[in-house]
């Protein structure tokens, strides 16, 4: 559900933040007031392609943000967020999108950057926008099977079918590997055995290359190292004037001096500690000197070992850990390829059982889908006839593969499902995507949404110009169905018809004003007399006595009589 929408420097809008309610929300206003801007900003937030032309003149960028709530029943949306480690706060998300003059922009969900593809995918689980220039999920053929399964309460059964189908695929792959030709299998086994033995023979250790490279560098720079070490030895103890001889003399002098003046005792104590620390340091250094020898044979051995490790990593992995992992994987594949005939026969038997089980489940799903399809056709056709398409024929085509076919089912059963329609008498059934009229298409969407409102995933539906080409009783029916869906979903509808507007739970007015010589589009929530006057304007173009009386009659007969909080900040 859309709870808040904020726009800044978008088209003719300087900036506003608006809070929305649940239920049936309508947007009205004069032609050209900017209703399409509001719909466009929502489309932008849903993932539509960005265009720098929407940035308000004089601004560097435009931004649209929203606070949306996610229902706990929306498993698809919650799963999408979980897969990407995005956390809800009080069941809510903040979604932001901007675009700069350069055409570049950024998108964030809970301050986590996402791609436009991610945004489109996620928002389609929460919102459905229907209009002549928008994306309609119901026009995607691949969605029709999902909607029919939801209508028929088959989602869990279909998900279980898919799980078994995927398990069957895994077993078939394992069998294919197991029964591959002897020559191919033997060649693969020979290679894997060689690789495993080669890695085992070298026995690389984690981090070994790095340690050996350090040792090789030390041996290669031995002359420089020896020069520095000998210089340090001279300074420490070899020279007549060395740190050791000087500290010994200083200790002796201070010992005698402190015997005369006790105030020097602390200094003598520290000097004594320094002397013993110097002796310890020199002992350690002498041990290092004793071990410091140039060993050309060791250098050769190190370089040979490094060469072996380099060859191994070039063939099997980027480092020692990857090489060792390759050996584990190779040994596992060796075990699989070396499987006995008994293992293969067991796999074959399991596959046969699963295939029979899936074939039976597919037939059962097909029967249930066919029965549900007839019910869905009947309900949608009835609604469409009331929405001003009396000659309509709506069909749900459920086409199943023949039971004897080589592959009589796919990941979701044996059926391909498609919604078809004929809007005029004598015309053949066609795909929904081939309907030319935007208003007609919106009414088809409305009928489908009415039937599927309790099982459809998106929680917010947006209808743009759904009243195109209708009036009278049809308009009243459209308003009735929108209000009905609004009992289960959040609805936004742009309309020019008062007979639809009076049904709304929340009435939003879009209007254009002039501020400081610039045109500005704003939006406000209408209540009481303001709403009454807007309904009158929609009826006759003004708020005269006759129009107001007509508005009062419509509101009394069809209006929703409970208060709503405005929550508008212009």
Protein backbone atom coordinates (compact mmCIF):
# COMPACT_ATOMS: atom_id res chain seq x y z
CA UNK A 1 0.00 0.00 0.00
CA UNK A 2 1.20 3.50 -0.85
CA UNK A 3 1.23 5.54 2.36
CA UNK A 4 3.22 8.63 1.35
CA UNK A 5 4.41 10.14 -1.92
CA UNK A 6 6.95 12.95 -2.21
CA UNK A 7 7.92 14.77 -5.41
CA UNK A 8 10.59 17.40 -5.93
CA UNK A 9 11.32 19.32 -9.14
CA UNK A 10 9.24 16.85 -11.14
CA UNK A 11 7.63 18.42 -14.28
CA UNK A 12 5.55 21.37 -13.03
CA UNK A 13 5.84 20.36 -9.37
CA UNK A 14 8.29 22.24 -7.15
CA UNK A 15 7.72 19.87 -4.30
CA UNK A 16 5.02 18.30 -2.18
CA UNK A 17 4.48 15.41 0.21
CA UNK A 18 1.11 13.72 0.43
CA UNK A 19 -0.22 10.99 2.69
CA UNK A 20 -2.68 8.49 1.24
CA UNK A 21 -5.40 6.32 2.73
CA UNK A 22 -6.48 2.79 1.96
CA UNK A 23 -9.60 2.13 -0.11
CA UNK A 24 -10.79 3.87 -3.28
CA UNK A 25 -8.83 7.07 -4.05
CA UNK A 26 -9.75 9.22 -7.05
CA UNK A 27 -7.83 12.07 -8.69
CA UNK A 28 -9.79 14.77 -10.48
CA UNK A 29 -9.06 18.17 -11.95
CA UNK A 30 -9.41 20.28 -15.05
CA UNK A 31 -7.96 19.00 -18.30
CA UNK A 32 -4.27 19.94 -18.32
CA UNK A 33 -4.14 20.45 -14.55
CA UNK A 34 -1.42 17.82 -14.20
CA UNK A 35 -3.15 14.57 -13.34
CA UNK A 36 -0.93 12.81 -15.86
CA UNK A 37 2.09 14.20 -13.99
CA UNK A 38 1.00 12.39 -10.82
CA UNK A 39 0.45 9.16 -12.74
CA UNK A 40 3.77 9.68 -14.52
CA UNK A 41 5.60 10.11 -11.23
CA UNK A 42 4.06 6.86 -9.96
CA UNK A 43 5.09 5.12 -13.18
CA UNK A 44 8.62 6.52 -12.70
CA UNK A 45 8.66 5.10 -9.17
CA UNK A 46 7.46 1.72 -10.47
CA UNK A 47 10.45 1.44 -12.79
CA UNK A 48 9.46 3.15 -16.04
CA UNK A 49 12.31 4.37 -18.24
CA UNK A 50 13.69 7.70 -16.99
CA UNK A 51 13.76 10.85 -19.12
CA UNK A 52 15.59 14.01 -18.06
CA UNK A 53 12.75 15.99 -19.66
CA UNK A 54 10.72 15.47 -16.46
CA UNK A 55 13.14 17.68 -14.49
CA UNK A 56 11.57 21.05 -13.68
CA UNK A 57 13.09 23.96 -15.56
CA UNK A 58 15.95 25.48 -13.58
CA UNK A 59 16.56 22.39 -11.43
CA UNK A 60 19.48 19.95 -11.60
CA UNK A 61 17.52 16.81 -10.80
CA UNK A 62 14.04 15.45 -10.12
CA UNK A 63 13.24 12.99 -7.37
CA UNK A 64 10.28 10.83 -6.36
CA UNK A 65 10.11 8.93 -3.09
CA UNK A 66 7.46 6.89 -1.32
CA UNK A 67 6.70 5.10 1.90
CA UNK A 68 4.99 1.79 1.16
CA UNK A 69 3.72 -0.90 3.48
CA UNK A 70 3.98 -4.59 2.63
CA UNK A 71 1.20 -6.92 3.73
CA UNK A 72 2.34 -10.02 5.61
CA UNK A 73 0.30 -12.11 3.15
CA UNK A 74 2.38 -10.88 0.20
CA UNK A 75 4.80 -13.80 0.27
CA UNK A 76 6.37 -12.99 -3.10
CA UNK A 77 7.36 -9.46 -2.00
CA UNK A 78 8.62 -10.62 1.40
CA UNK A 79 10.66 -13.39 -0.25
CA UNK A 80 12.15 -10.88 -2.74
CA UNK A 81 13.27 -8.63 0.12
CA UNK A 82 14.67 -11.53 2.16
CA UNK A 83 16.75 -12.76 -0.80
CA UNK A 84 18.42 -9.32 -0.95
CA UNK A 85 18.80 -8.79 2.82
CA UNK A 86 16.45 -5.79 2.78
CA UNK A 87 14.63 -5.39 6.07
CA UNK A 88 11.22 -3.86 6.67
CA UNK A 89 10.77 -1.35 9.48
CA UNK A 90 7.30 -1.58 11.01
CA UNK A 91 6.23 -3.41 7.81
CA UNK A 92 7.28 -0.37 5.75
CA UNK A 93 9.85 0.56 3.11
CA UNK A 94 11.22 3.85 1.83
CA UNK A 95 11.77 3.84 -1.92
CA UNK A 96 13.61 6.69 -3.67
CA UNK A 97 14.45 7.39 -7.29
CA UNK A 98 16.04 10.45 -8.91
CA UNK A 99 17.24 11.52 -12.34
CA UNK A 100 19.81 14.19 -13.21
CA UNK A 101 20.12 16.42 -16.26
CA UNK A 102 22.79 14.06 -17.59
CA UNK A 103 20.17 11.32 -17.77
CA UNK A 104 21.82 9.33 -15.01
CA UNK A 105 19.98 8.54 -11.82
CA UNK A 106 19.90 6.43 -8.67
CA UNK A 107 17.37 4.09 -7.06
CA UNK A 108 17.24 3.03 -3.41
CA UNK A 109 15.09 0.64 -1.40
CA UNK A 110 15.69 1.22 2.33
CA UNK A 111 18.88 3.13 1.39
CA UNK A 112 20.19 0.07 -0.49
CA UNK A 113 21.00 0.86 -4.14
CA UNK A 114 19.16 -1.31 -6.69
CA UNK A 115 18.92 -1.46 -10.47
CA UNK A 116 15.92 -0.32 -12.50
CA UNK A 117 15.28 -3.96 -13.31
CA UNK A 118 15.19 -4.78 -9.59
CA UNK A 119 12.84 -1.86 -8.95
CA UNK A 120 10.46 -2.93 -11.73
CA UNK A 121 10.46 -6.53 -10.52
CA UNK A 122 9.79 -5.63 -6.88
CA UNK A 123 7.23 -2.89 -7.44
CA UNK A 124 5.21 -5.17 -9.74
CA UNK A 125 4.62 -7.31 -6.64
CA UNK A 126 3.05 -4.31 -4.84
CA UNK A 127 1.53 -2.12 -7.58
CA UNK A 128 -0.34 -2.61 -10.83
CA UNK A 129 -0.69 0.42 -13.11
CA UNK A 130 -3.25 0.26 -15.92
CA UNK A 131 -3.29 2.83 -18.65
CA UNK A 132 -2.68 3.41 -22.32
CA UNK A 133 1.05 3.98 -21.84
CA UNK A 134 1.85 1.74 -18.89
CA UNK A 135 2.91 -1.82 -18.23
CA UNK A 136 0.07 -4.22 -17.46
CA UNK A 137 1.04 -7.44 -15.77
CA UNK A 138 -2.15 -9.08 -16.96
CA UNK A 139 -1.09 -8.63 -20.58
CA UNK A 140 1.89 -10.90 -20.02
CA UNK A 141 0.90 -14.37 -21.13
CA UNK A 142 3.19 -16.01 -18.59
CA UNK A 143 1.11 -14.39 -15.82
CA UNK A 144 -2.20 -15.89 -16.97
CA UNK A 145 -1.41 -19.36 -15.59
CA UNK A 146 -0.50 -17.79 -12.24
CA UNK A 147 -3.77 -15.85 -12.08
CA UNK A 148 -5.86 -18.88 -12.98
CA UNK A 149 -4.07 -20.95 -10.33
CA UNK A 150 -4.70 -18.23 -7.75
CA UNK A 151 -8.35 -18.05 -8.70
CA UNK A 152 -8.62 -21.86 -8.42
CA UNK A 153 -6.60 -22.00 -5.17
CA UNK A 154 -4.00 -24.21 -6.87
CA UNK A 155 -0.84 -22.28 -5.97
CA UNK A 156 0.43 -24.70 -3.29
CA UNK A 157 -0.38 -27.71 -5.46
CA UNK A 158 1.42 -26.14 -8.42
CA UNK A 159 4.44 -25.25 -6.27
CA UNK A 160 4.67 -28.88 -5.11
CA UNK A 161 4.47 -30.04 -8.75
CA UNK A 162 7.33 -27.68 -9.63
CA UNK A 163 9.47 -28.99 -6.76
CA UNK A 164 9.02 -32.59 -7.92
CA UNK A 165 9.64 -31.56 -11.55
CA UNK A 166 12.97 -29.95 -10.61
CA UNK A 167 13.95 -33.02 -8.57
CA UNK A 168 13.19 -35.17 -11.62
CA UNK A 169 15.47 -32.96 -13.73
CA UNK A 170 18.32 -33.42 -11.25
CA UNK A 171 17.91 -37.19 -11.30
CA UNK A 172 17.84 -37.27 -15.10
CA UNK A 173 21.06 -35.28 -15.25
CA UNK A 174 22.70 -37.66 -12.79
CA UNK A 175 21.56 -40.63 -14.87
CA UNK A 176 22.78 -39.02 -18.10
CA UNK A 177 26.23 -38.59 -16.57
CA UNK A 178 26.19 -42.13 -15.24
CA UNK A 179 25.22 -43.77 -18.55
CA UNK A 180 27.37 -41.63 -20.83
CA UNK A 181 29.46 -43.52 -23.33
CA UNK A 182 32.26 -45.66 -21.93
CA UNK A 183 34.86 -43.76 -23.94
CA UNK A 184 33.70 -40.35 -22.69
CA UNK A 185 33.33 -41.61 -19.14
CA UNK A 186 36.74 -43.28 -19.16
CA UNK A 187 38.37 -40.16 -20.62
CA UNK A 188 36.78 -38.03 -17.95
CA UNK A 189 37.78 -40.47 -15.24
CA UNK A 190 41.34 -40.57 -16.53
CA UNK A 191 41.56 -36.78 -16.44
CA UNK A 192 39.99 -36.49 -12.99
CA UNK A 193 42.19 -39.22 -11.54
CA UNK A 194 45.30 -37.56 -12.99
CA UNK A 195 44.24 -34.19 -11.56
CA UNK A 196 43.47 -35.60 -8.12
CA UNK A 197 46.75 -37.54 -8.04
CA UNK A 198 48.76 -34.56 -9.26
CA UNK A 199 47.30 -32.31 -6.57
CA UNK A 200 47.79 -34.99 -3.91
CA UNK A 201 51.40 -35.51 -5.06
CA UNK A 202 52.22 -31.82 -4.78
CA UNK A 203 50.22 -31.49 -1.55
CA UNK A 204 49.98 -27.70 -1.56
CA UNK A 205 49.34 -25.92 1.71
CA UNK A 206 47.17 -22.87 2.20
CA UNK A 207 49.27 -19.71 1.81
CA UNK A 208 52.39 -21.70 0.82
CA UNK A 209 53.13 -19.68 -2.32
CA UNK A 210 53.18 -16.41 -0.38
CA UNK A 211 55.62 -17.83 2.22
CA UNK A 212 57.94 -19.29 -0.42
CA UNK A 213 57.97 -16.07 -2.43
CA UNK A 214 59.07 -14.22 0.70
CA UNK A 215 61.84 -16.74 1.36
CA UNK A 216 63.03 -16.62 -2.27
CA UNK A 217 63.18 -12.82 -2.13
CA UNK A 218 65.28 -13.02 1.05
CA UNK A 219 67.75 -15.46 -0.52
CA UNK A 220 68.01 -13.41 -3.72
CA UNK A 221 68.82 -10.26 -1.72
CA UNK A 222 71.26 -12.05 0.62
CA UNK A 223 74.22 -9.74 -0.07
CA UNK A 224 72.22 -6.61 0.82
CA UNK A 225 70.77 -8.31 3.88
CA UNK A 226 74.21 -9.49 5.06
CA UNK A 227 75.67 -5.99 4.66
CA UNK A 228 72.92 -4.45 6.77
CA UNK A 229 73.13 -7.18 9.39
CA UNK A 230 76.94 -6.89 9.70
CA UNK A 231 76.62 -3.13 10.07
CA UNK A 232 74.13 -3.65 12.87
CA UNK A 233 76.47 -6.18 14.54
CA UNK A 234 79.33 -3.69 14.49
CA UNK A 235 77.18 -1.02 16.10
CA UNK A 236 75.87 -3.42 18.72
CA UNK A 237 78.99 -5.27 19.87
CA UNK A 238 81.86 -5.66 17.36
CA UNK A 239 83.26 -2.12 17.33
CA UNK A 240 85.38 -0.79 20.18
CA UNK A 241 82.79 1.94 20.59
CA UNK A 242 79.61 -0.16 20.44
CA UNK A 243 76.28 0.02 22.19
CA UNK A 244 77.30 -2.88 24.45
CA UNK A 245 80.65 -1.36 25.52
CA UNK A 246 79.14 2.09 26.05
CA UNK A 247 76.22 0.80 28.09
CA UNK A 248 78.63 -1.32 30.20
CA UNK A 249 80.80 1.76 30.95
CA UNK A 250 77.77 3.94 31.71
CA UNK A 251 76.41 1.29 34.07
CA UNK A 252 79.71 1.08 35.93
CA UNK A 253 80.03 4.86 36.28
CA UNK A 254 76.43 5.22 37.49
CA UNK A 255 76.85 2.38 39.97
CA UNK A 256 79.77 4.21 41.63
CA UNK A 257 78.02 7.59 41.44
CA UNK A 258 74.80 6.31 43.03
CA UNK A 259 76.83 4.89 45.91
CA UNK A 260 77.88 8.48 46.65
CA UNK A 261 74.56 10.21 45.86
CA UNK A 262 71.47 8.09 46.41
CA UNK A 263 69.39 10.39 44.15
CA UNK A 264 71.06 8.69 41.19
CA UNK A 265 69.79 5.25 42.24
CA UNK A 266 66.65 5.37 40.05
CA UNK A 267 68.73 6.39 37.04
CA UNK A 268 71.24 3.65 37.79
CA UNK A 269 68.39 1.11 38.04
CA UNK A 270 67.05 2.16 34.63
CA UNK A 271 70.57 2.05 33.15
CA UNK A 272 71.06 -1.42 34.57
CA UNK A 273 67.78 -2.56 32.95
CA UNK A 274 68.89 -1.01 29.65
CA UNK A 275 72.22 -2.85 29.87
CA UNK A 276 70.59 -6.25 30.49
CA UNK A 277 68.01 -5.58 27.74
CA UNK A 278 70.93 -4.77 25.39
CA UNK A 279 72.62 -8.06 26.30
CA UNK A 280 69.38 -10.01 25.64
CA UNK A 281 68.92 -8.25 22.32
CA UNK A 282 72.51 -9.02 21.31
CA UNK A 283 72.07 -12.70 22.21
CA UNK A 284 69.03 -12.93 19.97
CA UNK A 285 70.84 -11.10 17.20
CA UNK A 286 73.87 -13.42 17.47
CA UNK A 287 71.54 -16.41 17.12
CA UNK A 288 70.14 -14.82 13.95
CA UNK A 289 73.71 -14.26 12.69
CA UNK A 290 74.63 -17.88 13.32
CA UNK A 291 71.66 -18.99 11.15
CA UNK A 292 72.28 -16.40 8.43
CA UNK A 293 73.93 -18.34 5.67
CA UNK A 294 73.62 -18.14 1.94
CA UNK A 295 72.25 -21.46 0.67
CA UNK A 296 72.09 -21.58 -3.14
CA UNK A 297 70.67 -25.11 -2.98
CA UNK A 298 67.77 -23.90 -0.82
CA UNK A 299 67.11 -21.04 -3.26
CA UNK A 300 67.00 -23.54 -6.11
CA UNK A 301 64.63 -25.80 -4.15
CA UNK A 302 62.33 -22.89 -3.31
CA UNK A 303 62.21 -21.75 -6.93
CA UNK A 304 61.47 -25.29 -8.12
CA UNK A 305 58.65 -25.64 -5.57
CA UNK A 306 57.19 -22.29 -6.63
CA UNK A 307 57.28 -23.35 -10.28
CA UNK A 308 55.33 -26.52 -9.40
CA UNK A 309 52.75 -24.50 -7.44
CA UNK A 310 52.40 -21.94 -10.25
CA UNK A 311 51.70 -24.72 -12.78
CA UNK A 312 49.19 -26.32 -10.42
CA UNK A 313 47.31 -23.05 -9.85
CA UNK A 314 47.26 -22.27 -13.57
CA UNK A 315 45.49 -25.58 -14.18
CA UNK A 316 43.20 -25.93 -11.17
CA UNK A 317 42.66 -22.66 -9.31
CA UNK A 318 43.79 -19.15 -8.43
CA UNK A 319 45.34 -20.16 -5.10
CA UNK A 320 46.15 -23.19 -2.96
CA UNK A 321 42.66 -23.24 -1.40
CA UNK A 322 41.02 -23.32 -4.83
CA UNK A 323 43.35 -26.13 -5.96
CA UNK A 324 42.50 -28.20 -2.88
CA UNK A 325 38.78 -27.55 -3.45
CA UNK A 326 39.18 -28.73 -7.04
CA UNK A 327 40.63 -31.99 -5.76
CA UNK A 328 37.63 -32.54 -3.46
CA UNK A 329 35.24 -31.85 -6.34
CA UNK A 330 37.19 -34.12 -8.68
CA UNK A 331 37.12 -37.00 -6.18
CA UNK A 332 33.36 -36.58 -5.74
CA UNK A 333 32.83 -36.72 -9.52
CA UNK A 334 35.12 -39.76 -9.72
CA UNK A 335 32.87 -41.51 -7.23
CA UNK A 336 29.78 -40.60 -9.29
CA UNK A 337 31.31 -41.71 -12.60
CA UNK A 338 32.54 -44.91 -11.02
CA UNK A 339 29.03 -45.76 -9.87
CA UNK A 340 27.87 -49.30 -10.34
CA UNK A 341 25.17 -50.55 -12.68
CA UNK A 342 23.06 -51.07 -9.58
CA UNK A 343 23.18 -47.32 -8.90
CA UNK A 344 22.10 -46.56 -12.45
CA UNK A 345 19.22 -49.02 -12.30
CA UNK A 346 18.09 -47.50 -9.02
CA UNK A 347 18.08 -44.05 -10.62
CA UNK A 348 16.08 -45.33 -13.58
CA UNK A 349 13.48 -46.87 -11.28
CA UNK A 350 13.16 -43.64 -9.26
CA UNK A 351 12.75 -41.60 -12.44
CA UNK A 352 10.00 -43.89 -13.75
CA UNK A 353 8.07 -43.57 -10.48
CA UNK A 354 8.41 -39.76 -10.46
CA UNK A 355 7.38 -39.49 -14.11
CA UNK A 356 4.20 -41.52 -13.52
CA UNK A 357 3.46 -39.43 -10.43
CA UNK A 358 3.98 -36.16 -12.33
CA UNK A 359 1.86 -37.29 -15.27
CA UNK A 360 -1.02 -38.06 -12.90
CA UNK A 361 -0.57 -34.76 -11.06
CA UNK A 362 -0.44 -32.87 -14.37
CA UNK A 363 -3.72 -34.42 -15.52
CA UNK A 364 -5.33 -33.57 -12.17
CA UNK A 365 -4.10 -29.95 -12.42
CA UNK A 366 -5.40 -29.72 -16.00
CA UNK A 367 -8.86 -30.90 -14.95
CA UNK A 368 -9.01 -28.41 -12.09
CA UNK A 369 -7.76 -25.57 -14.31
CA UNK A 370 -10.31 -26.38 -17.02
CA UNK A 371 -13.13 -26.28 -14.47
CA UNK A 372 -11.86 -23.04 -12.92
CA UNK A 373 -11.37 -21.49 -16.37
CA UNK A 374 -15.08 -21.84 -17.18
CA UNK A 375 -16.05 -20.18 -13.90
CA UNK A 376 -13.54 -17.37 -14.45
CA UNK A 377 -14.82 -16.81 -18.00
CA UNK A 378 -18.39 -16.57 -16.81
CA UNK A 379 -17.70 -14.11 -14.00
CA UNK A 380 -15.48 -11.82 -16.08
CA UNK A 381 -17.89 -11.84 -19.06
CA UNK A 382 -20.78 -10.89 -16.76
CA UNK A 383 -18.84 -7.93 -15.32
CA UNK A 384 -17.67 -6.73 -18.74
CA UNK A 385 -21.23 -6.71 -20.04
CA UNK A 386 -22.13 -4.36 -17.17
CA UNK A 387 -19.13 -2.18 -17.93
CA UNK A 388 -20.33 -1.22 -21.38
CA UNK A 389 -19.02 -4.09 -23.51
CA UNK A 390 -22.30 -6.04 -23.99
CA UNK A 391 -21.15 -8.17 -26.93
CA UNK A 392 -17.97 -9.30 -25.21
CA UNK A 393 -16.68 -12.86 -25.25
CA UNK A 394 -13.95 -13.60 -22.74
CA UNK A 395 -12.18 -16.94 -22.79
CA UNK A 396 -9.52 -18.62 -20.71
CA UNK A 397 -7.71 -20.99 -23.04
CA UNK A 398 -6.20 -23.98 -21.23
CA UNK A 399 -4.21 -25.96 -23.80
CA UNK A 400 -2.71 -29.22 -22.57
CA UNK A 401 -0.14 -31.48 -24.16
CA UNK A 402 -1.31 -34.91 -25.22
CA UNK A 403 -0.82 -37.56 -22.50
CA UNK A 404 1.16 -39.73 -24.93
CA UNK A 405 3.57 -36.98 -25.90
CA UNK A 406 7.28 -37.40 -25.18
CA UNK A 407 7.12 -34.60 -22.59
CA UNK A 408 3.49 -34.15 -21.61
CA UNK A 409 4.21 -31.63 -18.86
CA UNK A 410 6.50 -28.73 -18.04
CA UNK A 411 7.65 -27.08 -14.80
CA UNK A 412 4.10 -26.00 -13.87
CA UNK A 413 2.01 -28.81 -15.32
CA UNK A 414 0.78 -29.82 -18.74
CA UNK A 415 -1.00 -26.58 -19.61
CA UNK A 416 -0.45 -23.31 -21.35
CA UNK A 417 -2.97 -20.71 -20.18
CA UNK A 418 -3.92 -17.54 -22.06
CA UNK A 419 -6.67 -14.96 -21.66
CA UNK A 420 -8.50 -14.17 -24.92
CA UNK A 421 -11.23 -11.67 -25.76
CA UNK A 422 -13.59 -10.59 -28.49
CA UNK A 423 -15.09 -7.19 -27.70
CA UNK A 424 -17.47 -7.06 -30.68
CA UNK A 425 -20.01 -9.44 -32.09
CA UNK A 426 -18.66 -11.51 -34.96
CA UNK A 427 -15.01 -10.82 -34.13
CA UNK A 428 -12.72 -13.75 -33.32
CA UNK A 429 -11.09 -14.16 -29.94
CA UNK A 430 -7.76 -12.32 -29.67
CA UNK A 431 -4.97 -11.88 -27.16
CA UNK A 432 -5.54 -9.14 -24.60
CA UNK A 433 -2.50 -7.30 -25.92
CA UNK A 434 -4.23 -6.77 -29.28
CA UNK A 435 -7.08 -4.71 -27.83
CA UNK A 436 -6.73 -1.25 -29.40
CA UNK A 437 -8.83 0.97 -27.13
CA UNK A 438 -7.13 2.11 -23.94
CA UNK A 439 -10.46 2.65 -22.19
CA UNK A 440 -11.68 -0.75 -23.31
CA UNK A 441 -8.49 -2.35 -22.10
CA UNK A 442 -8.81 -0.62 -18.72
CA UNK A 443 -12.33 -2.01 -18.31
CA UNK A 444 -11.10 -5.49 -19.11
CA UNK A 445 -8.42 -5.05 -16.48
CA UNK A 446 -11.01 -3.77 -14.03
CA UNK A 447 -13.22 -6.82 -14.59
CA UNK A 448 -10.32 -9.21 -14.12
CA UNK A 449 -9.15 -7.34 -11.04
CA UNK A 450 -12.66 -7.47 -9.57
CA UNK A 451 -12.74 -11.25 -9.85
CA UNK A 452 -9.14 -11.72 -8.71
CA UNK A 453 -9.09 -8.98 -6.07
CA UNK A 454 -8.94 -11.42 -3.17
CA UNK A 455 -6.11 -13.52 -4.66
CA UNK A 456 -4.11 -10.99 -6.72
CA UNK A 457 -0.69 -10.12 -5.22
CA UNK A 458 -0.39 -6.33 -5.88
CA UNK A 459 -1.88 -4.38 -3.00
CA UNK A 460 -2.30 -1.10 -4.90
CA UNK A 461 -4.00 -0.71 -8.30
CA UNK A 462 -3.71 2.45 -10.40
CA UNK A 463 -6.21 3.10 -13.21
CA UNK A 464 -5.45 5.96 -15.60
CA UNK A 465 -8.34 7.35 -17.69
CA UNK A 466 -10.52 4.27 -17.12
CA UNK A 467 -13.61 6.32 -18.06
CA UNK A 468 -12.53 6.89 -21.67
CA UNK A 469 -15.54 6.53 -23.95
CA UNK A 470 -18.13 5.67 -21.30
CA UNK A 471 -20.94 7.41 -19.47
CA UNK A 472 -24.40 6.88 -18.00
CA UNK A 473 -25.12 3.50 -16.46
CA UNK A 474 -21.76 2.12 -17.57
CA UNK A 475 -19.96 4.83 -15.61
CA UNK A 476 -22.05 4.01 -12.54
CA UNK A 477 -21.10 0.35 -12.91
CA UNK A 478 -17.42 1.21 -13.29
CA UNK A 479 -17.58 3.25 -10.09
CA UNK A 480 -19.38 0.42 -8.32
CA UNK A 481 -16.72 -2.12 -9.26
CA UNK A 482 -13.87 0.20 -8.37
CA UNK A 483 -15.42 0.73 -4.95
CA UNK A 484 -15.84 -3.02 -4.57
CA UNK A 485 -12.16 -3.67 -5.27
CA UNK A 486 -11.34 -0.79 -2.91
CA UNK A 487 -12.74 -2.87 -0.06
CA UNK A 488 -9.80 -5.26 -0.51
CA UNK A 489 -7.14 -3.18 -2.26
CA UNK A 490 -5.89 0.37 -2.38
CA UNK A 491 -7.19 1.95 -5.60
CA UNK A 492 -6.05 5.10 -7.41
CA UNK A 493 -8.15 6.23 -10.33
CA UNK A 494 -7.87 9.28 -12.58
CA UNK A 495 -11.37 10.19 -13.74
CA UNK A 496 -13.40 12.95 -15.38
CA UNK A 497 -16.76 11.46 -14.41
CA UNK A 498 -18.64 12.60 -11.34
CA UNK A 499 -20.57 9.31 -11.19
CA UNK A 500 -17.25 7.55 -10.54
CA UNK A 501 -15.80 10.23 -8.27
CA UNK A 502 -18.72 10.12 -5.82
CA UNK A 503 -17.95 6.48 -5.01
CA UNK A 504 -14.48 7.30 -3.68
CA UNK A 505 -13.33 6.91 -0.10
CA UNK A 506 -10.78 9.70 -0.65
CA UNK A 507 -11.02 12.52 -3.18
CA UNK A 508 -7.78 14.18 -4.42
CA UNK A 509 -7.84 17.25 -6.64
CA UNK A 510 -5.00 18.21 -8.95
CA UNK A 511 -4.86 21.85 -10.02
CA UNK A 512 -2.49 24.25 -11.72
CA UNK A 513 -1.71 27.66 -10.23
CA UNK A 514 0.71 30.52 -10.88
CA UNK A 515 3.27 31.43 -8.21
CA UNK A 516 5.82 34.20 -8.68
CA UNK A 517 5.27 34.09 -12.42
CA UNK A 518 5.75 30.31 -12.67
CA UNK A 519 3.19 27.58 -13.27
CA UNK A 520 2.93 25.08 -10.41
CA UNK A 521 0.91 21.88 -10.14
CA UNK A 522 -0.41 20.99 -6.69
CA UNK A 523 -2.63 18.33 -5.16
CA UNK A 524 -4.98 18.51 -2.20
CA UNK A 525 -7.48 16.30 -0.36
CA UNK A 526 -11.10 17.44 -0.70
CA UNK A 527 -13.66 17.14 2.05
CA UNK A 528 -17.08 18.51 2.79
CA UNK A 529 -18.14 21.47 0.68
CA UNK A 530 -14.89 21.48 -1.35
CA UNK A 531 -15.63 17.98 -2.57
CA UNK A 532 -19.27 18.87 -3.24
CA UNK A 533 -18.19 21.80 -5.43
CA UNK A 534 -15.66 19.68 -7.34
CA UNK A 535 -18.37 17.10 -8.10
CA UNK A 536 -20.60 19.94 -9.32
CA UNK A 537 -17.81 21.25 -11.56
CA UNK A 538 -17.34 17.79 -13.05
CA UNK A 539 -21.07 17.61 -13.81
CA UNK A 540 -21.54 20.95 -15.54
CA UNK A 541 -18.31 22.90 -15.58
CA UNK A 542 -19.33 25.24 -12.75
CA UNK A 543 -20.71 25.15 -9.21
CA UNK A 544 -24.14 26.64 -9.90
CA UNK A 545 -27.22 25.80 -7.90
CA UNK A 546 -28.43 23.11 -10.32
CA UNK A 547 -25.02 21.45 -10.46
CA UNK A 548 -24.70 21.56 -6.67
CA UNK A 549 -28.12 19.98 -6.28
CA UNK A 550 -27.15 17.24 -8.71
CA UNK A 551 -23.88 16.72 -6.83
CA UNK A 552 -25.77 16.48 -3.53
CA UNK A 553 -28.07 13.85 -5.03
CA UNK A 554 -25.18 11.74 -6.30
CA UNK A 555 -23.26 12.00 -3.04
CA UNK A 556 -26.35 11.11 -1.04
CA UNK A 557 -27.04 8.03 -3.18
CA UNK A 558 -23.51 6.73 -3.86
CA UNK A 559 -21.09 8.60 -1.57
CA UNK A 560 -19.07 7.15 1.27
CA UNK A 561 -20.07 8.97 4.45
CA UNK A 562 -17.17 8.62 6.84
CA UNK A 563 -14.41 11.15 7.48
CA UNK A 564 -10.86 10.93 6.18
CA UNK A 565 -7.86 12.88 7.43
CA UNK A 566 -6.31 15.14 4.85
CA UNK A 567 -2.60 14.70 5.53
CA UNK A 568 -1.55 17.00 2.69
CA UNK A 569 1.50 19.21 2.72
CA UNK A 570 1.90 21.49 -0.30
